Amino acid sequence: MKKDIHPNYREVVFLDTSINQKFTTRSTVDTKDTIVMEDGKTYPLVKIEVSSASHPFYTGSKSNLFGVAGRVERFNKKYGK
């Protein structure tokens, strides 16, 4: 294989911020945040708002986790309106 053409594939921790749940997997995502896990190792950290652990489709929850006000606020924060 050619050198320096492949992305950095490594273990990364994803943090679901809606329920504060962490899970470790391998990814090429680039991030500047890090976290020290229970095993004492430092991993790159990616913060996400929804994962399979909190999404109503996967959890079977019929309630709407995200209110309209929260969606509008998140949209304005993200796009600077």
N, C-alpha and C. Protein backbone atom coordinates (compact mmCIF):
# COMPACT_ATOMS: atom_id res chain seq x y z
N MET A 1 0.84 -1.19 0.00
CA MET A 1 0.00 0.00 0.00
C MET A 1 0.88 1.24 0.00
N LYS A 2 0.36 2.29 -0.61
CA LYS A 2 1.08 3.55 -0.63
C LYS A 2 1.01 4.23 0.73
N LYS A 3 2.08 4.91 1.10
CA LYS A 3 2.13 5.62 2.37
C LYS A 3 1.44 6.97 2.25
N ASP A 4 0.91 7.45 3.38
CA ASP A 4 0.34 8.79 3.54
C ASP A 4 -0.88 9.07 2.67
N ILE A 5 -1.60 8.04 2.23
CA ILE A 5 -2.83 8.31 1.47
C ILE A 5 -4.07 7.82 2.23
N HIS A 6 -3.87 7.07 3.32
CA HIS A 6 -4.98 6.52 4.07
C HIS A 6 -5.28 7.38 5.29
N PRO A 7 -6.56 7.53 5.66
CA PRO A 7 -6.89 8.30 6.85
C PRO A 7 -6.45 7.56 8.12
N ASN A 8 -6.34 8.31 9.21
CA ASN A 8 -5.93 7.77 10.49
C ASN A 8 -7.10 6.99 11.11
N TYR A 9 -7.05 5.68 11.06
CA TYR A 9 -8.10 4.81 11.57
C TYR A 9 -7.70 4.36 12.97
N ARG A 10 -8.47 4.81 13.99
CA ARG A 10 -8.09 4.55 15.36
C ARG A 10 -9.33 4.42 16.24
N GLU A 11 -9.12 4.04 17.51
CA GLU A 11 -10.22 3.95 18.46
C GLU A 11 -10.65 5.36 18.87
N VAL A 12 -11.95 5.59 18.89
CA VAL A 12 -12.53 6.90 19.20
C VAL A 12 -13.70 6.67 20.16
N VAL A 13 -13.90 7.61 21.08
CA VAL A 13 -15.05 7.56 21.99
C VAL A 13 -16.10 8.53 21.49
N PHE A 14 -17.34 8.02 21.32
CA PHE A 14 -18.47 8.86 20.97
C PHE A 14 -19.28 9.09 22.23
N LEU A 15 -19.64 10.35 22.50
CA LEU A 15 -20.43 10.71 23.67
C LEU A 15 -21.78 11.22 23.22
N ASP A 16 -22.84 10.49 23.58
CA ASP A 16 -24.21 10.92 23.29
C ASP A 16 -24.58 11.94 24.37
N THR A 17 -24.61 13.22 24.01
CA THR A 17 -24.81 14.28 24.99
C THR A 17 -26.24 14.34 25.54
N SER A 18 -27.21 13.74 24.84
CA SER A 18 -28.58 13.80 25.33
C SER A 18 -28.81 12.88 26.54
N ILE A 19 -28.05 11.77 26.62
CA ILE A 19 -28.21 10.86 27.76
C ILE A 19 -26.88 10.59 28.47
N ASN A 20 -25.83 11.27 28.05
CA ASN A 20 -24.50 11.18 28.65
C ASN A 20 -23.98 9.73 28.67
N GLN A 21 -24.11 9.06 27.52
CA GLN A 21 -23.61 7.69 27.39
C GLN A 21 -22.44 7.69 26.43
N LYS A 22 -21.38 6.94 26.79
CA LYS A 22 -20.17 6.87 25.97
C LYS A 22 -20.04 5.47 25.38
N PHE A 23 -19.52 5.41 24.15
CA PHE A 23 -19.17 4.12 23.58
C PHE A 23 -17.94 4.28 22.71
N THR A 24 -17.13 3.23 22.68
CA THR A 24 -15.87 3.24 21.96
C THR A 24 -16.00 2.41 20.70
N THR A 25 -15.49 2.96 19.60
CA THR A 25 -15.46 2.25 18.33
C THR A 25 -14.26 2.76 17.56
N ARG A 26 -14.05 2.22 16.39
CA ARG A 26 -12.94 2.68 15.54
C ARG A 26 -13.50 3.59 14.46
N SER A 27 -12.78 4.67 14.16
CA SER A 27 -13.25 5.64 13.19
C SER A 27 -12.08 6.44 12.63
N THR A 28 -12.35 7.14 11.52
CA THR A 28 -11.36 8.04 10.94
C THR A 28 -11.71 9.50 11.19
N VAL A 29 -12.77 9.75 11.98
CA VAL A 29 -13.22 11.11 12.23
C VAL A 29 -12.10 11.91 12.91
N ASP A 30 -11.96 13.18 12.52
CA ASP A 30 -10.92 14.05 13.05
C ASP A 30 -11.52 14.92 14.15
N THR A 31 -10.92 14.92 15.33
CA THR A 31 -11.41 15.70 16.45
C THR A 31 -10.25 16.21 17.29
N LYS A 32 -10.48 17.33 17.97
CA LYS A 32 -9.44 17.90 18.83
C LYS A 32 -9.68 17.57 20.30
N ASP A 33 -10.90 17.15 20.66
CA ASP A 33 -11.22 16.82 22.05
C ASP A 33 -10.71 15.43 22.39
N THR A 34 -10.37 15.24 23.67
CA THR A 34 -9.94 13.93 24.16
C THR A 34 -10.65 13.64 25.48
N ILE A 35 -10.65 12.37 25.85
CA ILE A 35 -11.25 11.93 27.10
C ILE A 35 -10.43 10.77 27.64
N VAL A 36 -10.32 10.73 28.98
CA VAL A 36 -9.64 9.61 29.65
C VAL A 36 -10.74 8.65 30.11
N MET A 37 -10.69 7.43 29.63
CA MET A 37 -11.71 6.43 29.96
C MET A 37 -11.31 5.69 31.23
N GLU A 38 -12.20 4.79 31.69
CA GLU A 38 -11.99 4.05 32.91
C GLU A 38 -10.76 3.16 32.87
N ASP A 39 -10.36 2.75 31.66
CA ASP A 39 -9.18 1.90 31.54
C ASP A 39 -7.87 2.68 31.64
N GLY A 40 -7.96 4.02 31.80
CA GLY A 40 -6.78 4.85 31.96
C GLY A 40 -6.19 5.37 30.66
N LYS A 41 -6.72 4.95 29.53
CA LYS A 41 -6.22 5.39 28.24
C LYS A 41 -6.92 6.68 27.81
N THR A 42 -6.23 7.49 27.03
CA THR A 42 -6.79 8.72 26.48
C THR A 42 -7.21 8.46 25.05
N TYR A 43 -8.46 8.81 24.73
CA TYR A 43 -9.01 8.59 23.40
C TYR A 43 -9.51 9.92 22.82
N PRO A 44 -9.54 10.04 21.50
CA PRO A 44 -10.21 11.19 20.88
C PRO A 44 -11.70 11.13 21.20
N LEU A 45 -12.34 12.30 21.38
CA LEU A 45 -13.75 12.36 21.77
C LEU A 45 -14.56 13.06 20.70
N VAL A 46 -15.69 12.44 20.32
CA VAL A 46 -16.64 13.03 19.39
C VAL A 46 -17.97 13.16 20.12
N LYS A 47 -18.52 14.38 20.19
CA LYS A 47 -19.79 14.61 20.86
C LYS A 47 -20.90 14.58 19.82
N ILE A 48 -21.94 13.78 20.10
CA ILE A 48 -23.09 13.68 19.21
C ILE A 48 -24.36 13.90 20.02
N GLU A 49 -25.41 14.37 19.37
CA GLU A 49 -26.66 14.66 20.07
C GLU A 49 -27.59 13.46 20.14
N VAL A 50 -27.54 12.60 19.14
CA VAL A 50 -28.44 11.45 19.08
C VAL A 50 -27.64 10.23 18.61
N SER A 51 -27.85 9.13 19.30
CA SER A 51 -27.27 7.86 18.88
C SER A 51 -28.36 6.80 18.96
N SER A 52 -28.01 5.57 18.67
CA SER A 52 -29.00 4.50 18.75
C SER A 52 -29.46 4.28 20.19
N ALA A 53 -28.68 4.72 21.16
CA ALA A 53 -29.06 4.57 22.56
C ALA A 53 -30.13 5.56 22.99
N SER A 54 -30.28 6.69 22.26
CA SER A 54 -31.25 7.70 22.67
C SER A 54 -32.32 7.99 21.61
N HIS A 55 -32.17 7.46 20.42
CA HIS A 55 -33.14 7.74 19.35
C HIS A 55 -34.42 6.94 19.59
N PRO A 56 -35.59 7.60 19.48
CA PRO A 56 -36.86 6.90 19.75
C PRO A 56 -37.10 5.68 18.88
N PHE A 57 -36.62 5.68 17.65
CA PHE A 57 -36.81 4.53 16.77
C PHE A 57 -36.16 3.28 17.36
N TYR A 58 -34.97 3.42 17.91
CA TYR A 58 -34.24 2.28 18.46
C TYR A 58 -34.64 1.94 19.89
N THR A 59 -35.08 2.94 20.65
CA THR A 59 -35.43 2.69 22.05
C THR A 59 -36.88 2.26 22.21
N GLY A 60 -37.71 2.48 21.18
CA GLY A 60 -39.11 2.12 21.25
C GLY A 60 -39.96 3.15 21.96
N SER A 61 -39.37 4.28 22.29
CA SER A 61 -40.09 5.34 23.00
C SER A 61 -41.03 6.06 22.04
N LYS A 62 -42.25 6.31 22.49
CA LYS A 62 -43.22 7.02 21.67
C LYS A 62 -43.16 8.53 21.91
N SER A 63 -42.49 8.94 22.97
CA SER A 63 -42.44 10.37 23.28
C SER A 63 -41.42 11.06 22.39
N ASN A 64 -41.66 12.33 22.15
CA ASN A 64 -40.74 13.14 21.35
C ASN A 64 -39.69 13.72 22.28
N LEU A 65 -38.45 13.29 22.14
CA LEU A 65 -37.39 13.72 23.05
C LEU A 65 -37.00 15.18 22.86
N PHE A 66 -37.20 15.69 21.68
CA PHE A 66 -36.73 17.02 21.36
C PHE A 66 -37.91 17.92 21.06
N GLY A 67 -38.11 18.92 21.89
CA GLY A 67 -39.21 19.86 21.69
C GLY A 67 -38.94 20.80 20.55
N VAL A 68 -39.99 21.45 20.07
CA VAL A 68 -39.85 22.39 18.95
C VAL A 68 -38.94 23.53 19.34
N ALA A 69 -39.07 24.04 20.56
CA ALA A 69 -38.23 25.16 21.00
C ALA A 69 -36.76 24.76 20.97
N GLY A 70 -36.46 23.55 21.39
CA GLY A 70 -35.08 23.07 21.38
C GLY A 70 -34.53 22.95 19.98
N ARG A 71 -35.37 22.52 19.04
CA ARG A 71 -34.91 22.40 17.65
C ARG A 71 -34.62 23.76 17.04
N VAL A 72 -35.49 24.74 17.32
CA VAL A 72 -35.30 26.08 16.77
C VAL A 72 -34.04 26.70 17.37
N GLU A 73 -33.87 26.55 18.66
CA GLU A 73 -32.68 27.08 19.33
C GLU A 73 -31.41 26.45 18.79
N ARG A 74 -31.43 25.12 18.59
CA ARG A 74 -30.27 24.42 18.04
C ARG A 74 -29.98 24.88 16.62
N PHE A 75 -31.02 25.10 15.81
CA PHE A 75 -30.85 25.57 14.44
C PHE A 75 -30.20 26.95 14.44
N ASN A 76 -30.73 27.86 15.28
CA ASN A 76 -30.18 29.22 15.34
C ASN A 76 -28.76 29.21 15.84
N LYS A 77 -28.44 28.34 16.79
CA LYS A 77 -27.08 28.26 17.31
C LYS A 77 -26.14 27.73 16.23
N LYS A 78 -26.59 26.73 15.50
CA LYS A 78 -25.74 26.08 14.49
C LYS A 78 -25.47 27.00 13.29
N TYR A 79 -26.52 27.71 12.84
CA TYR A 79 -26.38 28.52 11.64
C TYR A 79 -26.25 30.00 11.93
N GLY A 80 -26.12 30.38 13.20
CA GLY A 80 -25.80 31.75 13.58
C GLY A 80 -26.88 32.76 13.29
N LYS A 81 -28.12 32.40 13.37
CA LYS A 81 -29.22 33.35 13.11
C LYS A 81 -29.55 34.12 14.36
